[in-house]
Amino acid sequence: MNDSSSSRRQEYKALALVIVVFFPLLTIMLISSYGFLVWFSQLLLGPPGHG
């Protein structure tokens, strides 16, 4: 009983780490990479025009 309780506690700690640290960092990295991609494409191709 005690072993499964400590194992479950470790799983909750790992889940909290993923939710609190990993997902926000992943989101920031994805948004930043998209912004860099847009900035770099406008650097090479010029700003968007009228059409």
PDB file of N, CA and C in Angstrom:
ATOM      1  N   MET A   1       0.826  -1.201   0.000  1.00  0.00           N
ATOM      2  CA  MET A   1       0.000   0.000   0.000  1.00  0.00           C
ATOM      3  C   MET A   1       0.866   1.259   0.000  1.00  0.00           C
ATOM      4  N   ASN A   2       1.906   1.241   0.824  1.00  0.00           N
ATOM      5  CA  ASN A   2       2.766   2.409   0.925  1.00  0.00           C
ATOM      6  C   ASN A   2       3.572   2.611  -0.350  1.00  0.00           C
ATOM      7  N   ASP A   3       3.967   1.499  -0.989  1.00  0.00           N
ATOM      8  CA  ASP A   3       4.759   1.601  -2.210  1.00  0.00           C
ATOM      9  C   ASP A   3       3.950   2.217  -3.343  1.00  0.00           C
ATOM     10  N   SER A   4       2.691   1.803  -3.489  1.00  0.00           N
ATOM     11  CA  SER A   4       1.854   2.373  -4.549  1.00  0.00           C
ATOM     12  C   SER A   4       1.515   3.821  -4.253  1.00  0.00           C
ATOM     13  N   SER A   5       1.431   4.168  -2.974  1.00  0.00           N
ATOM     14  CA  SER A   5       1.144   5.551  -2.597  1.00  0.00           C
ATOM     15  C   SER A   5       2.307   6.467  -2.961  1.00  0.00           C
ATOM     16  N   SER A   6       3.530   6.016  -2.705  1.00  0.00           N
ATOM     17  CA  SER A   6       4.696   6.836  -3.052  1.00  0.00           C
ATOM     18  C   SER A   6       4.877   6.896  -4.564  1.00  0.00           C
ATOM     19  N   SER A   7       4.541   5.795  -5.243  1.00  0.00           N
ATOM     20  CA  SER A   7       4.629   5.794  -6.705  1.00  0.00           C
ATOM     21  C   SER A   7       3.614   6.762  -7.308  1.00  0.00           C
ATOM     22  N   ARG A   8       2.419   6.757  -6.732  1.00  0.00           N
ATOM     23  CA  ARG A   8       1.382   7.669  -7.214  1.00  0.00           C
ATOM     24  C   ARG A   8       1.775   9.124  -6.935  1.00  0.00           C
ATOM     25  N   ARG A   9       2.401   9.367  -5.785  1.00  0.00           N
ATOM     26  CA  ARG A   9       2.849  10.716  -5.441  1.00  0.00           C
ATOM     27  C   ARG A   9       3.926  11.182  -6.433  1.00  0.00           C
ATOM     28  N   GLN A  10       4.833  10.279  -6.821  1.00  0.00           N
ATOM     29  CA  GLN A  10       5.851  10.629  -7.812  1.00  0.00           C
ATOM     30  C   GLN A  10       5.214  10.926  -9.163  1.00  0.00           C
ATOM     31  N   GLU A  11       4.188  10.181  -9.523  1.00  0.00           N
ATOM     32  CA  GLU A  11       3.504  10.438 -10.788  1.00  0.00           C
ATOM     33  C   GLU A  11       2.820  11.802 -10.777  1.00  0.00           C
ATOM     34  N   TYR A  12       2.219  12.169  -9.649  1.00  0.00           N
ATOM     35  CA  TYR A  12       1.588  13.492  -9.547  1.00  0.00           C
ATOM     36  C   TYR A  12       2.626  14.610  -9.610  1.00  0.00           C
ATOM     37  N   LYS A  13       3.788  14.390  -8.998  1.00  0.00           N
ATOM     38  CA  LYS A  13       4.854  15.386  -9.079  1.00  0.00           C
ATOM     39  C   LYS A  13       5.347  15.539 -10.510  1.00  0.00           C
ATOM     40  N   ALA A  14       5.482  14.416 -11.218  1.00  0.00           N
ATOM     41  CA  ALA A  14       5.913  14.473 -12.609  1.00  0.00           C
ATOM     42  C   ALA A  14       4.859  15.169 -13.468  1.00  0.00           C
ATOM     43  N   LEU A  15       3.600  14.887 -13.213  1.00  0.00           N
ATOM     44  CA  LEU A  15       2.518  15.536 -13.953  1.00  0.00           C
ATOM     45  C   LEU A  15       2.512  17.042 -13.689  1.00  0.00           C
ATOM     46  N   ALA A  16       2.695  17.426 -12.443  1.00  0.00           N
ATOM     47  CA  ALA A  16       2.746  18.853 -12.108  1.00  0.00           C
ATOM     48  C   ALA A  16       3.937  19.521 -12.785  1.00  0.00           C
ATOM     49  N   LEU A  17       5.075  18.833 -12.837  1.00  0.00           N
ATOM     50  CA  LEU A  17       6.246  19.382 -13.515  1.00  0.00           C
ATOM     51  C   LEU A  17       5.960  19.591 -14.999  1.00  0.00           C
ATOM     52  N   VAL A  18       5.315  18.623 -15.617  1.00  0.00           N
ATOM     53  CA  VAL A  18       4.998  18.744 -17.043  1.00  0.00           C
ATOM     54  C   VAL A  18       4.021  19.889 -17.277  1.00  0.00           C
ATOM     55  N   ILE A  19       3.005  20.007 -16.424  1.00  0.00           N
ATOM     56  CA  ILE A  19       1.989  21.045 -16.614  1.00  0.00           C
ATOM     57  C   ILE A  19       2.561  22.429 -16.328  1.00  0.00           C
ATOM     58  N   VAL A  20       3.340  22.561 -15.266  1.00  0.00           N
ATOM     59  CA  VAL A  20       3.806  23.874 -14.825  1.00  0.00           C
ATOM     60  C   VAL A  20       5.029  24.334 -15.606  1.00  0.00           C
ATOM     61  N   VAL A  21       5.907  23.417 -15.995  1.00  0.00           N
ATOM     62  CA  VAL A  21       7.174  23.808 -16.620  1.00  0.00           C
ATOM     63  C   VAL A  21       7.194  23.487 -18.112  1.00  0.00           C
ATOM     64  N   PHE A  22       6.904  22.241 -18.466  1.00  0.00           N
ATOM     65  CA  PHE A  22       7.127  21.798 -19.838  1.00  0.00           C
ATOM     66  C   PHE A  22       6.157  22.429 -20.828  1.00  0.00           C
ATOM     67  N   PHE A  23       4.861  22.413 -20.534  1.00  0.00           N
ATOM     68  CA  PHE A  23       3.888  22.960 -21.477  1.00  0.00           C
ATOM     69  C   PHE A  23       4.060  24.466 -21.706  1.00  0.00           C
ATOM     70  N   PRO A  24       4.261  25.285 -20.666  1.00  0.00           N
ATOM     71  CA  PRO A  24       4.496  26.707 -20.938  1.00  0.00           C
ATOM     72  C   PRO A  24       5.770  26.953 -21.750  1.00  0.00           C
ATOM     73  N   LEU A  25       6.842  26.230 -21.450  1.00  0.00           N
ATOM     74  CA  LEU A  25       8.076  26.405 -22.226  1.00  0.00           C
ATOM     75  C   LEU A  25       7.880  25.978 -23.676  1.00  0.00           C
ATOM     76  N   LEU A  26       7.163  24.891 -23.885  1.00  0.00           N
ATOM     77  CA  LEU A  26       6.895  24.434 -25.244  1.00  0.00           C
ATOM     78  C   LEU A  26       6.054  25.455 -26.004  1.00  0.00           C
ATOM     79  N   THR A  27       5.070  26.038 -25.345  1.00  0.00           N
ATOM     80  CA  THR A  27       4.232  27.049 -25.971  1.00  0.00           C
ATOM     81  C   THR A  27       5.042  28.288 -26.332  1.00  0.00           C
ATOM     82  N   ILE A  28       5.882  28.740 -25.415  1.00  0.00           N
ATOM     83  CA  ILE A  28       6.724  29.908 -25.690  1.00  0.00           C
ATOM     84  C   ILE A  28       7.671  29.623 -26.844  1.00  0.00           C
ATOM     85  N   MET A  29       8.241  28.425 -26.882  1.00  0.00           N
ATOM     86  CA  MET A  29       9.157  28.076 -27.969  1.00  0.00           C
ATOM     87  C   MET A  29       8.440  28.028 -29.310  1.00  0.00           C
ATOM     88  N   LEU A  30       7.228  27.481 -29.348  1.00  0.00           N
ATOM     89  CA  LEU A  30       6.486  27.406 -30.606  1.00  0.00           C
ATOM     90  C   LEU A  30       6.103  28.794 -31.109  1.00  0.00           C
ATOM     91  N   ILE A  31       5.617  29.651 -30.220  1.00  0.00           N
ATOM     92  CA  ILE A  31       5.223  31.004 -30.622  1.00  0.00           C
ATOM     93  C   ILE A  31       6.442  31.800 -31.056  1.00  0.00           C
ATOM     94  N   SER A  32       7.550  31.651 -30.337  1.00  0.00           N
ATOM     95  CA  SER A  32       8.774  32.369 -30.705  1.00  0.00           C
ATOM     96  C   SER A  32       9.313  31.903 -32.048  1.00  0.00           C
ATOM     97  N   SER A  33       9.273  30.608 -32.297  1.00  0.00           N
ATOM     98  CA  SER A  33       9.779  30.114 -33.570  1.00  0.00           C
ATOM     99  C   SER A  33       8.887  30.575 -34.721  1.00  0.00           C
ATOM    100  N   TYR A  34       7.575  30.662 -34.504  1.00  0.00           N
ATOM    101  CA  TYR A  34       6.688  31.178 -35.541  1.00  0.00           C
ATOM    102  C   TYR A  34       6.988  32.656 -35.814  1.00  0.00           C
ATOM    103  N   GLY A  35       7.183  33.427 -34.751  1.00  0.00           N
ATOM    104  CA  GLY A  35       7.528  34.839 -34.933  1.00  0.00           C
ATOM    105  C   GLY A  35       8.851  35.014 -35.651  1.00  0.00           C
ATOM    106  N   PHE A  36       9.832  34.179 -35.326  1.00  0.00           N
ATOM    107  CA  PHE A  36      11.117  34.253 -36.021  1.00  0.00           C
ATOM    108  C   PHE A  36      10.962  33.883 -37.481  1.00  0.00           C
ATOM    109  N   LEU A  37      10.138  32.883 -37.763  1.00  0.00           N
ATOM    110  CA  LEU A  37       9.910  32.477 -39.147  1.00  0.00           C
ATOM    111  C   LEU A  37       9.268  33.604 -39.950  1.00  0.00           C
ATOM    112  N   VAL A  38       8.286  34.276 -39.372  1.00  0.00           N
ATOM    113  CA  VAL A  38       7.636  35.399 -40.050  1.00  0.00           C
ATOM    114  C   VAL A  38       8.629  36.532 -40.249  1.00  0.00           C
ATOM    115  N   TRP A  39       9.414  36.856 -39.219  1.00  0.00           N
ATOM    116  CA  TRP A  39      10.387  37.938 -39.312  1.00  0.00           C
ATOM    117  C   TRP A  39      11.429  37.631 -40.381  1.00  0.00           C
ATOM    118  N   PHE A  40      11.922  36.400 -40.408  1.00  0.00           N
ATOM    119  CA  PHE A  40      12.965  36.044 -41.366  1.00  0.00           C
ATOM    120  C   PHE A  40      12.420  36.016 -42.790  1.00  0.00           C
ATOM    121  N   SER A  41      11.186  35.536 -42.958  1.00  0.00           N
ATOM    122  CA  SER A  41      10.611  35.536 -44.307  1.00  0.00           C
ATOM    123  C   SER A  41      10.380  36.960 -44.804  1.00  0.00           C
ATOM    124  N   GLN A  42       9.995  37.877 -43.916  1.00  0.00           N
ATOM    125  CA  GLN A  42       9.834  39.267 -44.325  1.00  0.00           C
ATOM    126  C   GLN A  42      11.181  39.926 -44.574  1.00  0.00           C
ATOM    127  N   LEU A  43      12.208  39.479 -43.887  1.00  0.00           N
ATOM    128  CA  LEU A  43      13.557  39.987 -44.134  1.00  0.00           C
ATOM    129  C   LEU A  43      14.014  39.601 -45.536  1.00  0.00           C
ATOM    130  N   LEU A  44      13.704  38.381 -45.964  1.00  0.00           N
ATOM    131  CA  LEU A  44      14.133  37.901 -47.275  1.00  0.00           C
ATOM    132  C   LEU A  44      13.206  38.357 -48.401  1.00  0.00           C
ATOM    133  N   LEU A  45      11.909  38.303 -48.165  1.00  0.00           N
ATOM    134  CA  LEU A  45      10.935  38.541 -49.234  1.00  0.00           C
ATOM    135  C   LEU A  45      10.341  39.934 -49.204  1.00  0.00           C
ATOM    136  N   GLY A  46      10.568  40.677 -48.172  1.00  0.00           N
ATOM    137  CA  GLY A  46       9.972  42.001 -48.042  1.00  0.00           C
ATOM    138  C   GLY A  46       8.661  41.932 -47.284  1.00  0.00           C
ATOM    139  N   PRO A  47       8.179  43.084 -46.848  1.00  0.00           N
ATOM    140  CA  PRO A  47       6.922  43.083 -46.097  1.00  0.00           C
ATOM    141  C   PRO A  47       5.744  42.712 -46.993  1.00  0.00           C
ATOM    142  N   PRO A  48       4.644  42.282 -46.381  1.00  0.00           N
ATOM    143  CA  PRO A  48       3.470  41.942 -47.193  1.00  0.00           C
ATOM    144  C   PRO A  48       2.929  43.180 -47.905  1.00  0.00           C
ATOM    145  N   GLY A  49       2.499  42.974 -49.141  1.00  0.00           N
ATOM    146  CA  GLY A  49       2.038  44.091 -49.955  1.00  0.00           C
ATOM    147  C   GLY A  49       0.534  44.151 -50.048  1.00  0.00           C
ATOM    148  N   HIS A  50       0.075  44.978 -50.974  1.00  0.00           N
ATOM    149  CA  HIS A  50      -1.362  45.174 -51.165  1.00  0.00           C
ATOM    150  C   HIS A  50      -2.005  44.009 -51.907  1.00  0.00           C
ATOM    151  N   GLY A  51      -1.226  43.316 -52.708  1.00  0.00           N
ATOM    152  CA  GLY A  51      -1.796  42.175 -53.423  1.00  0.00           C
ATOM    153  C   GLY A  51      -1.837  42.318 -54.896  1.00  0.00           C
TER     154      GLY A  51
END
